[in-house]
Amino acid sequence: MVSLIANPANPEPTARIGGGAVTAFGHIRESARSVVVVLAVTAVGLALALQGWRSHAPAFDMLPYLYGTDEFLERGVILSHGNLSSYGPFFPPGTFWLMLPGRLAFTDPRLFEKLGGAILYLGTIVGVFFLARAVFGLACARVSAIVYGLSGLGLAFAGSLWPIGHPFFFVWMAYLAIEWTLRKDARYLTAAIVTWAVGMYVGMAITPAIFALPVVWLLRRPPVWSRTLVMGGAFLLVVWSPYLTFETGRDFVDIRSILLRQDILPVDAVGAWCGVTLSLTSLGTAPAQIVADATPAPARGGNESTTIVQRLVGRVSGVAYRFGSTFRESVQIPGASDLLLLVTVGSMLVLAASGPWAARLLVASLLVPWLVLAVVAEPGKPERFLWLWPLQVIVLVGFTTSVLPCWRQRRAMTSLAQLTLVLVLIANPIWSRADAWLRTGWAGPDAEEVQVADYLGNQLRAEGKDQAAIGYQTFIYPFMARDNAIDDRYKVGAEFDALLKYRYGIANTDQCAEGLSPADEYRVVQDRPQTGPDAPVQHFDVRLPASFRELGHVGSYTVFARN
């Protein structure tokens, strides 16, 4: 077997250094350099990821976790369920624990998820470093930490706790699984399972990662049983107990829906609204549907064998397209994402065929969940794949630091390949954020939603009020009103309510799902939708009563008050 890389257990041989004292000093020096690299990447990455933090309102889907921190701090109640999936089930509430540090450290709700995100970001970079060093050596570890930390997806995860499956848990699970196999120590298996299960409590998108463990076991047959499995199981039972207790009362409908992708949205979502005669409309179109129609039945007739072939080809094409989702999300250069995908797949084939065991185990840890996702993930959902990115980065960097040199490529060629990879993956996200930094400052201007909340908050404070009935007639996504039938924390204008609550201590007594009520004292009307391909364009087309007078304009919003 041709070895492509150095011995993972000793990626930096010390015999070249000399005596014992010099060897120890060399290890300390290299360790210090590695720490500097990791900390420097983390600092630069966080500075870039948090650029413009003032320009964003609190994320709508994060509000259930935000309110959960209030319940915990005020009454000691632990959140039992998180936000809602697009299919209607409640997610586990693990993100609540990650938001708690930011809730304690900051007073601005726009920052509440940032501290937890920063902690996981640092942990992910450290995990990438350790995993890459174990497989490809120190050079790959440093470059991998830089590439992941400063890539577009790395920066996106650094500034968000969006519960779609966090790469922190996947990269550490993979590292522990590889250590379990190489060291033949079942305690590492326990640690890998616990890491995965805690990650599932934060975001269940990483479910397919568990399928890598049986494959890794088959490759080397390490021991499975350890007394730590019992302790790990007990720990996980404690962690999961709030959600499992909640699910017991719901016959585990949410877990089944998430794992099997079953739609459990209510048939009559409008029945929970205050104005049951209202309907959502898009600009210049007919009323929008709140509950999607059932999938139409396939047309009858035609050549049955041709239909089967067409379906098979369509299915294979869909799987192949989804297989490259992460790369299309990471690279904005035309053609570059396809090239990087081919390089990654080619590298995995080479490593699986002729690489040492650590490299083969890395390939198994990445390829198994990647293939599972490509088969089962819904079309148009690239976010399902994003947590795979750290291991994909390691394979890409390993190609330039370990595979190319074994093909007797000149040092200049391998250095050029590394530089090209770094520039392709990090140049655009760094430049775009640095450019925004230069144009608008590091924190950026306040988002229009924040300016509206400030305008209303100052108005109500001047009137001596700490609560009022405030209605919102804004452009929304349908789920903002629809999901109120399942969870009353969802309502149109919930992000405005959060800003008023945390910045001014003002409560909105209008809790109608559609954001409007005949009893409104104030009304916020959005005059035009936001720009961008994914901006919401649906709204409730309701005539403003004549009893309202205009108070003022704030960006694309107009604020009214009842006479």
Protein backbone atom coordinates (compact mmCIF):
# COMPACT_ATOMS: atom_id res chain seq x y z
CA MET A 1 0.00 0.00 0.00
CA VAL A 2 1.32 3.43 -0.95
CA SER A 3 1.23 5.78 2.04
CA LEU A 4 0.05 9.24 1.09
CA ILE A 5 0.73 10.97 4.37
CA ALA A 6 2.93 10.79 7.43
CA ASN A 7 2.06 8.63 10.39
CA PRO A 8 -0.98 10.37 11.97
CA ALA A 9 0.22 9.46 15.44
CA ASN A 10 3.45 11.35 14.79
CA PRO A 11 2.82 13.86 11.98
CA GLU A 12 5.91 15.88 12.82
CA PRO A 13 8.88 13.51 13.37
CA THR A 14 11.23 14.79 16.03
CA ALA A 15 14.36 12.88 14.97
CA ARG A 16 15.34 15.73 12.67
CA ILE A 17 15.43 18.19 15.55
CA GLY A 18 18.13 16.60 17.62
CA GLY A 19 18.50 16.25 21.39
CA GLY A 20 15.71 15.82 23.88
CA ALA A 21 15.76 19.40 25.15
CA VAL A 22 15.72 20.75 21.61
CA THR A 23 12.91 18.34 20.73
CA ALA A 24 10.82 19.50 23.68
CA PHE A 25 11.50 23.11 22.79
CA GLY A 26 10.51 22.42 19.19
CA HIS A 27 7.19 20.91 20.31
CA ILE A 28 6.49 23.89 22.54
CA ARG A 29 7.33 26.31 19.75
CA GLU A 30 5.12 24.49 17.22
CA SER A 31 2.30 24.26 19.75
CA ALA A 32 2.58 27.97 20.45
CA ARG A 33 2.44 28.74 16.74
CA SER A 34 -0.65 26.57 16.36
CA VAL A 35 -2.38 28.31 19.26
CA VAL A 36 -1.56 31.67 17.70
CA VAL A 37 -3.00 30.54 14.35
CA VAL A 38 -6.24 29.28 15.91
CA LEU A 39 -6.74 32.37 18.08
CA ALA A 40 -5.85 34.74 15.25
CA VAL A 41 -8.29 33.06 12.86
CA THR A 42 -10.98 33.15 15.54
CA ALA A 43 -10.41 36.83 16.29
CA VAL A 44 -10.38 37.87 12.63
CA GLY A 45 -13.33 35.64 11.83
CA LEU A 46 -15.46 37.00 14.67
CA ALA A 47 -14.62 40.57 13.70
CA LEU A 48 -15.79 39.83 10.16
CA ALA A 49 -18.79 37.71 11.17
CA LEU A 50 -20.13 40.36 13.55
CA GLN A 51 -19.61 43.19 11.08
CA GLY A 52 -22.92 44.99 10.62
CA TRP A 53 -24.60 43.36 13.63
CA ARG A 54 -26.69 46.47 14.20
CA SER A 55 -28.13 46.18 10.70
CA HIS A 56 -30.16 43.08 11.56
CA ALA A 57 -33.30 42.70 13.64
CA PRO A 58 -33.55 39.64 15.93
CA ALA A 59 -34.09 36.57 13.77
CA PHE A 60 -37.75 35.55 13.80
CA ASP A 61 -37.05 31.84 14.31
CA MET A 62 -34.76 32.54 17.26
CA LEU A 63 -37.45 34.30 19.32
CA PRO A 64 -38.81 31.10 20.97
CA TYR A 65 -35.33 30.46 22.40
CA LEU A 66 -35.00 34.09 23.43
CA TYR A 67 -38.27 33.99 25.34
CA GLY A 68 -37.16 30.67 26.82
CA THR A 69 -34.18 32.38 28.43
CA ASP A 70 -36.61 34.82 30.09
CA GLU A 71 -38.64 31.95 31.52
CA PHE A 72 -35.47 30.37 32.87
CA LEU A 73 -34.01 33.54 34.40
CA GLU A 74 -37.28 34.77 35.86
CA ARG A 75 -38.91 31.51 37.01
CA GLY A 76 -36.30 28.80 36.63
CA VAL A 77 -38.33 27.04 33.92
CA ILE A 78 -36.23 25.04 31.46
CA LEU A 79 -37.44 25.31 27.86
CA SER A 80 -38.98 22.02 26.74
CA HIS A 81 -39.19 22.64 22.98
CA GLY A 82 -37.70 24.94 20.39
CA ASN A 83 -38.92 26.58 17.22
CA LEU A 84 -41.02 24.95 14.51
CA SER A 85 -39.89 23.06 11.44
CA SER A 86 -41.42 23.80 8.06
CA TYR A 87 -43.36 20.54 8.47
CA GLY A 88 -44.94 21.73 11.70
CA PRO A 89 -43.09 19.82 14.48
CA PHE A 90 -41.27 21.37 17.41
CA PHE A 91 -37.50 21.08 17.35
CA PRO A 92 -35.52 20.15 20.50
CA PRO A 93 -34.63 23.22 22.58
CA GLY A 94 -30.84 22.84 22.84
CA THR A 95 -30.20 26.22 21.21
CA PHE A 96 -31.79 27.81 24.28
CA TRP A 97 -28.74 26.83 26.36
CA LEU A 98 -26.41 28.34 23.78
CA MET A 99 -28.34 31.61 23.78
CA LEU A 100 -28.28 31.88 27.57
CA PRO A 101 -24.67 33.21 27.84
CA GLY A 102 -25.44 36.04 25.42
CA ARG A 103 -28.66 36.80 27.26
CA LEU A 104 -26.66 37.22 30.46
CA ALA A 105 -23.85 39.21 28.86
CA PHE A 106 -25.76 41.70 26.68
CA THR A 107 -28.86 43.87 26.84
CA ASP A 108 -29.42 44.27 23.10
CA PRO A 109 -31.47 41.34 21.69
CA ARG A 110 -29.49 41.51 18.44
CA LEU A 111 -26.46 40.21 20.37
CA PHE A 112 -28.06 37.48 22.43
CA GLU A 113 -27.07 34.64 20.07
CA LYS A 114 -23.60 36.01 19.29
CA LEU A 115 -21.71 34.82 22.37
CA GLY A 116 -22.92 31.24 22.06
CA GLY A 117 -22.16 31.35 18.35
CA ALA A 118 -18.63 32.62 19.06
CA ILE A 119 -17.99 29.79 21.54
CA LEU A 120 -19.07 27.15 19.03
CA TYR A 121 -17.08 28.90 16.29
CA LEU A 122 -13.87 28.69 18.33
CA GLY A 123 -14.65 25.09 19.23
CA THR A 124 -15.20 24.18 15.59
CA ILE A 125 -11.90 25.72 14.50
CA VAL A 126 -10.10 23.82 17.26
CA GLY A 127 -11.86 20.62 16.18
CA VAL A 128 -10.88 21.18 12.55
CA PHE A 129 -7.27 21.68 13.64
CA PHE A 130 -7.13 18.51 15.74
CA LEU A 131 -8.88 16.37 13.13
CA ALA A 132 -6.75 17.63 10.25
CA ARG A 133 -3.55 17.15 12.27
CA ALA A 134 -4.52 13.60 13.19
CA VAL A 135 -5.05 12.70 9.53
CA PHE A 136 -2.76 14.90 7.44
CA GLY A 137 -0.30 16.53 9.81
CA LEU A 138 0.41 19.98 11.21
CA ALA A 139 0.61 21.92 7.94
CA CYS A 140 -2.83 20.74 6.85
CA ALA A 141 -4.21 21.48 10.32
CA ARG A 142 -3.15 25.11 10.20
CA VAL A 143 -4.34 25.73 6.66
CA SER A 144 -7.63 23.93 7.34
CA ALA A 145 -8.28 26.10 10.40
CA ILE A 146 -7.66 29.22 8.31
CA VAL A 147 -9.80 28.10 5.38
CA TYR A 148 -12.74 26.92 7.45
CA GLY A 149 -12.65 29.85 9.87
CA LEU A 150 -12.58 32.52 7.16
CA SER A 151 -14.79 30.81 4.57
CA GLY A 152 -18.27 32.11 3.93
CA LEU A 153 -19.95 29.21 5.73
CA GLY A 154 -17.54 29.40 8.65
CA LEU A 155 -18.32 33.10 9.11
CA ALA A 156 -22.04 32.43 8.76
CA PHE A 157 -21.97 29.91 11.61
CA ALA A 158 -19.81 32.25 13.71
CA GLY A 159 -22.57 34.86 13.88
CA SER A 160 -25.63 32.63 14.19
CA LEU A 161 -27.22 29.93 16.30
CA TRP A 162 -29.79 28.98 13.67
CA PRO A 163 -30.70 25.40 14.68
CA ILE A 164 -30.04 23.60 11.38
CA GLY A 165 -27.28 21.32 12.68
CA HIS A 166 -24.02 22.83 13.83
CA PRO A 167 -20.65 21.68 12.39
CA PHE A 168 -19.06 21.87 15.86
CA PHE A 169 -20.70 18.61 16.88
CA PHE A 170 -19.95 16.83 13.61
CA VAL A 171 -16.26 17.66 13.49
CA TRP A 172 -15.71 16.59 17.11
CA MET A 173 -17.77 13.43 16.64
CA ALA A 174 -15.62 12.52 13.62
CA TYR A 175 -12.41 13.21 15.52
CA LEU A 176 -13.51 11.10 18.49
CA ALA A 177 -14.67 8.29 16.19
CA ILE A 178 -11.27 8.19 14.49
CA GLU A 179 -9.49 8.22 17.86
CA TRP A 180 -11.76 5.36 19.00
CA THR A 181 -10.71 3.29 16.02
CA LEU A 182 -7.00 4.07 16.07
CA ARG A 183 -6.57 3.78 19.85
CA LYS A 184 -9.04 0.88 20.16
CA ASP A 185 -10.49 2.54 23.23
CA ALA A 186 -14.29 2.32 23.63
CA ARG A 187 -14.37 5.46 25.78
CA TYR A 188 -13.86 7.50 22.63
CA LEU A 189 -16.94 5.82 21.14
CA THR A 190 -18.96 6.96 24.13
CA ALA A 191 -17.64 10.49 23.71
CA ALA A 192 -18.48 10.43 19.99
CA ILE A 193 -22.05 9.26 20.64
CA VAL A 194 -22.58 11.82 23.40
CA THR A 195 -21.25 14.60 21.16
CA TRP A 196 -23.60 13.58 18.37
CA ALA A 197 -26.62 13.27 20.66
CA VAL A 198 -26.00 16.67 22.27
CA GLY A 199 -25.65 18.09 18.77
CA MET A 200 -29.00 16.52 17.89
CA TYR A 201 -30.54 18.34 20.84
CA VAL A 202 -29.32 21.57 19.23
CA GLY A 203 -30.24 20.71 15.64
CA MET A 204 -31.45 17.37 14.31
CA ALA A 205 -30.10 17.96 10.80
CA ILE A 206 -26.95 16.08 11.86
CA THR A 207 -28.95 12.85 12.25
CA PRO A 208 -27.16 11.10 9.32
CA ALA A 209 -23.78 11.50 11.03
CA ILE A 210 -24.52 8.52 13.28
CA PHE A 211 -24.51 6.17 10.27
CA ALA A 212 -20.78 6.73 9.93
CA LEU A 213 -20.01 4.95 13.22
CA PRO A 214 -20.95 1.39 12.06
CA VAL A 215 -18.91 1.87 8.89
CA VAL A 216 -15.93 3.12 10.88
CA TRP A 217 -16.27 0.10 13.16
CA LEU A 218 -16.33 -2.31 10.22
CA LEU A 219 -13.04 -0.94 8.93
CA ARG A 220 -11.02 -1.73 12.07
CA ARG A 221 -13.34 -3.56 14.53
CA PRO A 222 -12.41 -1.54 17.64
CA PRO A 223 -14.00 -2.48 20.99
CA VAL A 224 -17.53 -1.17 21.60
CA TRP A 225 -18.36 -1.89 25.21
CA SER A 226 -17.24 0.35 28.04
CA ARG A 227 -18.76 1.29 31.37
CA THR A 228 -18.68 4.86 30.13
CA LEU A 229 -21.54 3.94 27.77
CA VAL A 230 -23.84 3.67 30.76
CA MET A 231 -22.67 7.00 32.15
CA GLY A 232 -23.00 8.60 28.73
CA GLY A 233 -26.51 7.25 28.34
CA ALA A 234 -27.49 8.58 31.77
CA PHE A 235 -26.06 12.00 30.91
CA LEU A 236 -27.97 12.12 27.63
CA LEU A 237 -31.17 11.10 29.35
CA VAL A 238 -30.81 14.09 31.66
CA VAL A 239 -30.03 16.42 28.74
CA TRP A 240 -32.94 15.21 26.65
CA SER A 241 -35.45 14.81 29.50
CA PRO A 242 -37.28 18.18 29.03
CA TYR A 243 -37.95 17.46 25.36
CA LEU A 244 -38.72 13.77 25.88
CA THR A 245 -41.18 14.64 28.64
CA PHE A 246 -42.81 17.16 26.30
CA GLU A 247 -42.93 14.56 23.53
CA THR A 248 -44.48 11.94 25.80
CA GLY A 249 -47.55 14.13 26.06
CA ARG A 250 -47.65 14.47 22.26
CA ASP A 251 -47.13 10.78 21.42
CA PHE A 252 -43.70 11.70 19.98
CA VAL A 253 -45.37 13.22 16.93
CA ASP A 254 -42.65 15.84 16.54
CA ILE A 255 -39.76 13.38 16.51
CA ARG A 256 -41.56 11.20 13.97
CA SER A 257 -42.28 14.22 11.78
CA ILE A 258 -38.66 15.43 11.86
CA LEU A 259 -37.07 12.05 11.17
CA LEU A 260 -39.63 10.88 8.59
CA ARG A 261 -40.33 14.35 7.09
CA GLN A 262 -44.04 14.01 7.77
CA ASP A 263 -46.18 17.13 7.39
CA ILE A 264 -48.24 17.77 10.53
CA LEU A 265 -49.30 21.34 9.80
CA PRO A 266 -52.88 22.08 10.84
CA VAL A 267 -55.52 22.04 8.11
CA ASP A 268 -57.24 25.17 9.42
CA ALA A 269 -54.46 27.56 10.44
CA VAL A 270 -56.72 30.57 9.80
CA GLY A 271 -59.10 29.44 12.53
CA ALA A 272 -56.58 30.59 15.15
CA TRP A 273 -56.52 34.15 13.81
CA CYS A 274 -58.39 37.08 15.30
CA GLY A 275 -59.68 38.07 11.85
CA VAL A 276 -60.68 34.74 10.34
CA THR A 277 -61.89 36.44 7.13
CA LEU A 278 -58.44 37.81 6.31
CA SER A 279 -56.29 36.30 3.58
CA LEU A 280 -52.67 36.71 2.60
CA THR A 281 -51.96 38.23 -0.79
CA SER A 282 -48.79 38.73 -2.77
CA LEU A 283 -48.08 41.89 -4.69
CA GLY A 284 -50.18 41.80 -7.85
CA THR A 285 -51.31 38.20 -7.38
CA ALA A 286 -54.25 36.23 -6.05
CA PRO A 287 -54.54 35.36 -2.34
CA ALA A 288 -51.75 33.11 -1.14
CA GLN A 289 -52.50 29.71 0.34
CA ILE A 290 -51.70 29.14 3.99
CA VAL A 291 -51.60 25.35 3.77
CA ALA A 292 -49.94 23.82 0.73
CA ASP A 293 -52.01 21.61 -1.55
CA ALA A 294 -51.43 17.90 -1.57
CA THR A 295 -48.97 16.59 -4.10
CA PRO A 296 -50.82 16.08 -7.40
CA ALA A 297 -51.28 12.55 -8.59
CA PRO A 298 -49.10 11.51 -11.54
CA ALA A 299 -50.71 11.58 -14.95
CA ARG A 300 -52.05 8.27 -16.21
CA GLY A 301 -51.25 6.67 -19.49
CA GLY A 302 -48.10 6.77 -21.55
CA ASN A 303 -45.28 4.28 -21.81
CA GLU A 304 -44.80 2.85 -18.33
CA SER A 305 -41.19 1.79 -18.91
CA THR A 306 -40.33 5.26 -20.22
CA THR A 307 -41.92 6.82 -17.15
CA ILE A 308 -39.91 4.61 -14.83
CA VAL A 309 -36.68 5.47 -16.63
CA GLN A 310 -37.50 9.17 -16.53
CA ARG A 311 -38.21 8.98 -12.82
CA LEU A 312 -34.98 7.07 -12.20
CA VAL A 313 -32.94 9.57 -14.21
CA GLY A 314 -34.64 12.45 -12.42
CA ARG A 315 -33.98 10.86 -9.05
CA VAL A 316 -30.29 10.25 -9.82
CA SER A 317 -29.90 13.78 -11.18
CA GLY A 318 -31.54 15.20 -8.07
CA VAL A 319 -29.24 13.23 -5.77
CA ALA A 320 -26.19 14.33 -7.76
CA TYR A 321 -27.28 17.97 -7.63
CA ARG A 322 -27.92 17.89 -3.88
CA PHE A 323 -24.56 16.16 -3.38
CA GLY A 324 -22.84 19.42 -4.38
CA SER A 325 -25.05 21.72 -2.29
CA THR A 326 -22.38 22.80 0.18
CA PHE A 327 -19.93 23.81 -2.51
CA ARG A 328 -22.50 25.94 -4.33
CA GLU A 329 -23.27 27.67 -1.06
CA SER A 330 -19.57 28.23 -0.34
CA VAL A 331 -18.17 29.45 -3.65
CA GLN A 332 -19.57 32.28 -5.75
CA ILE A 333 -17.12 31.91 -8.67
CA PRO A 334 -18.82 30.26 -11.70
CA GLY A 335 -17.53 26.74 -12.22
CA ALA A 336 -15.31 26.79 -9.13
CA SER A 337 -17.83 24.96 -6.96
CA ASP A 338 -18.05 22.06 -9.44
CA LEU A 339 -14.27 21.87 -9.68
CA LEU A 340 -13.86 21.80 -5.89
CA LEU A 341 -16.52 19.11 -5.65
CA LEU A 342 -14.64 16.97 -8.18
CA VAL A 343 -11.36 17.53 -6.32
CA THR A 344 -12.98 16.53 -3.04
CA VAL A 345 -14.54 13.38 -4.45
CA GLY A 346 -11.34 12.46 -6.27
CA SER A 347 -9.29 12.97 -3.13
CA MET A 348 -11.63 10.76 -1.12
CA LEU A 349 -11.33 7.99 -3.71
CA VAL A 350 -7.53 8.17 -3.65
CA LEU A 351 -7.42 8.23 0.16
CA ALA A 352 -9.90 5.37 0.46
CA ALA A 353 -7.88 3.25 -1.98
CA SER A 354 -4.31 3.89 -0.88
CA GLY A 355 -4.27 6.14 2.14
CA PRO A 356 -3.40 5.14 5.72
CA TRP A 357 -6.13 4.22 8.17
CA ALA A 358 -6.69 7.70 9.56
CA ALA A 359 -7.40 9.00 6.07
CA ARG A 360 -9.75 6.12 5.29
CA LEU A 361 -11.64 6.73 8.50
CA LEU A 362 -11.97 10.42 7.63
CA VAL A 363 -13.41 9.50 4.24
CA ALA A 364 -15.94 7.16 5.85
CA SER A 365 -16.91 9.79 8.45
CA LEU A 366 -17.65 12.30 5.70
CA LEU A 367 -18.91 10.19 2.81
CA VAL A 368 -21.54 8.13 4.66
CA PRO A 369 -23.65 11.01 6.03
CA TRP A 370 -23.06 13.00 2.84
CA LEU A 371 -24.57 10.22 0.71
CA VAL A 372 -27.45 9.68 3.12
CA LEU A 373 -28.31 13.37 2.98
CA ALA A 374 -28.09 13.46 -0.81
CA VAL A 375 -30.66 10.66 -0.99
CA VAL A 376 -33.13 11.76 1.68
CA ALA A 377 -32.89 15.58 1.76
CA GLU A 378 -35.65 17.57 0.12
CA PRO A 379 -34.92 19.49 -3.09
CA GLY A 380 -34.21 23.17 -2.54
CA LYS A 381 -32.87 22.69 0.99
CA PRO A 382 -29.08 23.25 0.74
CA GLU A 383 -28.96 24.18 4.43
CA ARG A 384 -29.37 20.49 5.26
CA PHE A 385 -25.76 19.95 4.10
CA LEU A 386 -23.93 22.88 5.65
CA TRP A 387 -22.70 21.06 8.75
CA LEU A 388 -20.57 18.81 6.50
CA TRP A 389 -18.36 21.73 5.52
CA PRO A 390 -15.48 21.31 8.05
CA LEU A 391 -14.65 17.80 6.90
CA GLN A 392 -14.97 18.81 3.26
CA VAL A 393 -12.48 21.61 3.92
CA ILE A 394 -10.05 19.18 5.53
CA VAL A 395 -10.20 16.84 2.54
CA LEU A 396 -9.67 19.75 0.13
CA VAL A 397 -6.70 21.10 2.06
CA GLY A 398 -5.31 17.59 2.55
CA PHE A 399 -5.28 17.21 -1.23
CA THR A 400 -2.92 20.17 -1.54
CA THR A 401 -0.72 19.38 1.45
CA SER A 402 -0.47 15.59 1.26
CA VAL A 403 -1.86 14.09 -1.93
CA LEU A 404 -0.19 16.37 -4.49
CA PRO A 405 3.30 16.02 -2.94
CA CYS A 406 3.01 12.22 -3.16
CA TRP A 407 2.49 12.59 -6.90
CA ARG A 408 5.94 14.19 -7.02
CA GLN A 409 4.57 17.58 -7.87
CA ARG A 410 7.04 20.42 -7.52
CA ARG A 411 6.90 22.40 -4.32
CA ALA A 412 5.93 25.50 -6.29
CA MET A 413 2.94 23.62 -7.75
CA THR A 414 1.66 22.43 -4.37
CA SER A 415 2.12 25.89 -2.88
CA LEU A 416 0.21 27.39 -5.79
CA ALA A 417 -2.60 24.86 -5.28
CA GLN A 418 -2.83 25.77 -1.60
CA LEU A 419 -2.86 29.49 -2.35
CA THR A 420 -5.52 29.06 -5.05
CA LEU A 421 -7.72 27.04 -2.69
CA VAL A 422 -7.38 29.62 0.07
CA LEU A 423 -8.18 32.51 -2.25
CA VAL A 424 -11.18 30.79 -3.84
CA LEU A 425 -12.75 29.96 -0.49
CA ILE A 426 -11.98 32.99 1.64
CA ALA A 427 -11.22 35.96 -0.63
CA ASN A 428 -14.82 36.85 -1.48
CA PRO A 429 -16.31 36.60 2.05
CA ILE A 430 -13.40 38.58 3.50
CA TRP A 431 -13.57 41.25 0.82
CA SER A 432 -17.35 41.66 0.95
CA ARG A 433 -17.40 42.05 4.72
CA ALA A 434 -14.33 44.29 4.75
CA ASP A 435 -15.92 46.46 2.06
CA ALA A 436 -19.12 46.78 4.12
CA TRP A 437 -16.96 47.62 7.14
CA LEU A 438 -15.29 50.47 5.24
CA ARG A 439 -18.58 51.80 3.88
CA THR A 440 -20.84 51.58 6.96
CA GLY A 441 -18.52 51.02 9.90
CA TRP A 442 -17.97 47.84 11.86
CA ALA A 443 -21.33 47.74 13.66
CA GLY A 444 -23.23 49.17 10.70
CA PRO A 445 -26.37 51.35 10.81
CA ASP A 446 -29.46 50.28 12.71
CA ALA A 447 -31.89 48.13 10.74
CA GLU A 448 -35.16 49.80 9.77
CA GLU A 449 -37.02 47.48 12.15
CA VAL A 450 -34.85 48.74 15.00
CA GLN A 451 -35.46 52.35 13.99
CA VAL A 452 -39.21 51.70 13.96
CA ALA A 453 -39.04 50.15 17.43
CA ASP A 454 -36.98 53.10 18.68
CA TYR A 455 -39.48 55.57 17.22
CA LEU A 456 -42.43 53.80 18.84
CA GLY A 457 -40.58 53.19 22.08
CA ASN A 458 -39.69 56.85 22.49
CA GLN A 459 -43.26 57.84 21.58
CA LEU A 460 -44.80 55.53 24.16
CA ARG A 461 -42.30 56.50 26.83
CA ALA A 462 -43.14 60.15 26.24
CA GLU A 463 -46.78 59.25 26.80
CA GLY A 464 -45.90 57.36 30.00
CA LYS A 465 -46.98 53.95 28.67
CA ASP A 466 -45.33 50.60 29.26
CA GLN A 467 -47.82 48.69 27.10
CA ALA A 468 -50.02 49.38 24.08
CA ALA A 469 -51.95 47.58 21.33
CA ILE A 470 -49.67 47.78 18.30
CA GLY A 471 -50.59 46.32 14.93
CA TYR A 472 -48.22 45.47 12.08
CA GLN A 473 -49.18 45.48 8.43
CA THR A 474 -45.91 44.31 6.92
CA PHE A 475 -44.64 41.96 4.23
CA ILE A 476 -44.16 38.51 5.69
CA TYR A 477 -43.51 34.86 5.02
CA PRO A 478 -46.74 32.81 5.40
CA PHE A 479 -45.40 30.73 8.30
CA MET A 480 -45.21 33.84 10.51
CA ALA A 481 -49.00 33.88 10.76
CA ARG A 482 -49.76 30.23 9.94
CA ASP A 483 -47.67 28.65 12.70
CA ASN A 484 -49.54 30.53 15.42
CA ALA A 485 -52.07 27.71 15.26
CA ILE A 486 -49.34 25.45 16.68
CA ASP A 487 -47.29 27.87 18.78
CA ASP A 488 -48.65 31.23 19.91
CA ARG A 489 -45.09 32.60 20.09
CA TYR A 490 -45.37 32.96 16.30
CA LYS A 491 -47.14 36.13 15.15
CA VAL A 492 -46.66 38.85 12.57
CA GLY A 493 -44.45 41.57 14.03
CA ALA A 494 -42.91 39.36 16.73
CA GLU A 495 -39.46 40.82 15.99
CA PHE A 496 -40.79 44.35 16.63
CA ASP A 497 -42.35 43.16 19.89
CA ALA A 498 -39.00 41.73 21.00
CA LEU A 499 -37.19 44.99 20.27
CA LEU A 500 -39.79 47.01 22.19
CA LYS A 501 -39.61 44.60 25.11
CA TYR A 502 -35.84 44.41 25.53
CA ARG A 503 -34.91 47.95 24.51
CA TYR A 504 -37.78 49.83 26.16
CA GLY A 505 -39.60 47.45 28.49
CA ILE A 506 -42.82 47.91 26.50
CA ALA A 507 -45.32 45.07 26.00
CA ASN A 508 -47.61 44.74 23.00
CA THR A 509 -51.14 43.73 24.04
CA ASP A 510 -52.09 42.87 20.44
CA GLN A 511 -51.15 39.21 20.19
CA CYS A 512 -53.21 38.35 17.10
CA ALA A 513 -51.44 35.94 14.78
CA GLU A 514 -51.94 38.18 11.76
CA GLY A 515 -50.47 41.15 13.65
CA LEU A 516 -53.64 43.27 13.34
CA SER A 517 -56.57 43.93 15.64
CA PRO A 518 -59.57 46.29 15.57
CA ALA A 519 -58.44 47.46 19.02
CA ASP A 520 -54.99 48.63 17.82
CA GLU A 521 -53.87 51.96 19.22
CA TYR A 522 -50.90 52.13 16.87
CA ARG A 523 -50.29 50.64 13.46
CA VAL A 524 -46.99 50.08 11.64
CA VAL A 525 -47.46 49.85 7.87
CA GLN A 526 -44.68 48.75 5.53
CA ASP A 527 -44.97 50.74 2.32
CA ARG A 528 -42.83 48.48 0.12
CA PRO A 529 -41.14 45.09 0.49
CA GLN A 530 -37.44 44.68 1.06
CA THR A 531 -35.15 44.07 -1.88
CA GLY A 532 -33.58 40.70 -2.60
CA PRO A 533 -34.69 37.42 -4.19
CA ASP A 534 -35.77 35.86 -0.88
CA ALA A 535 -37.47 38.94 0.60
CA PRO A 536 -41.07 38.33 1.75
CA VAL A 537 -43.74 39.82 -0.54
CA GLN A 538 -46.97 38.59 1.05
CA HIS A 539 -49.15 40.77 3.25
CA PHE A 540 -52.65 41.28 4.58
CA ASP A 541 -54.30 43.81 2.29
CA VAL A 542 -56.36 45.65 4.93
CA ARG A 543 -57.61 49.20 4.56
CA LEU A 544 -56.33 51.47 7.32
CA PRO A 545 -59.29 52.89 9.30
CA ALA A 546 -59.88 56.62 8.96
CA SER A 547 -59.50 56.98 12.73
CA PHE A 548 -55.70 56.63 12.42
CA ARG A 549 -53.43 59.60 11.87
CA GLU A 550 -49.90 59.51 10.56
CA LEU A 551 -47.13 60.00 13.12
CA GLY A 552 -44.09 59.71 10.86
CA HIS A 553 -41.99 57.78 8.35
CA VAL A 554 -39.10 55.49 9.20
CA GLY A 555 -37.45 54.13 6.07
CA SER A 556 -39.98 51.97 4.25
CA TYR A 557 -42.38 52.06 7.22
CA THR A 558 -45.09 54.52 8.25
CA VAL A 559 -46.24 54.72 11.85
CA PHE A 560 -49.86 55.62 12.63
CA ALA A 561 -51.73 56.33 15.87
CA ARG A 562 -55.46 56.23 16.56
CA ASN A 563 -57.07 59.58 17.18
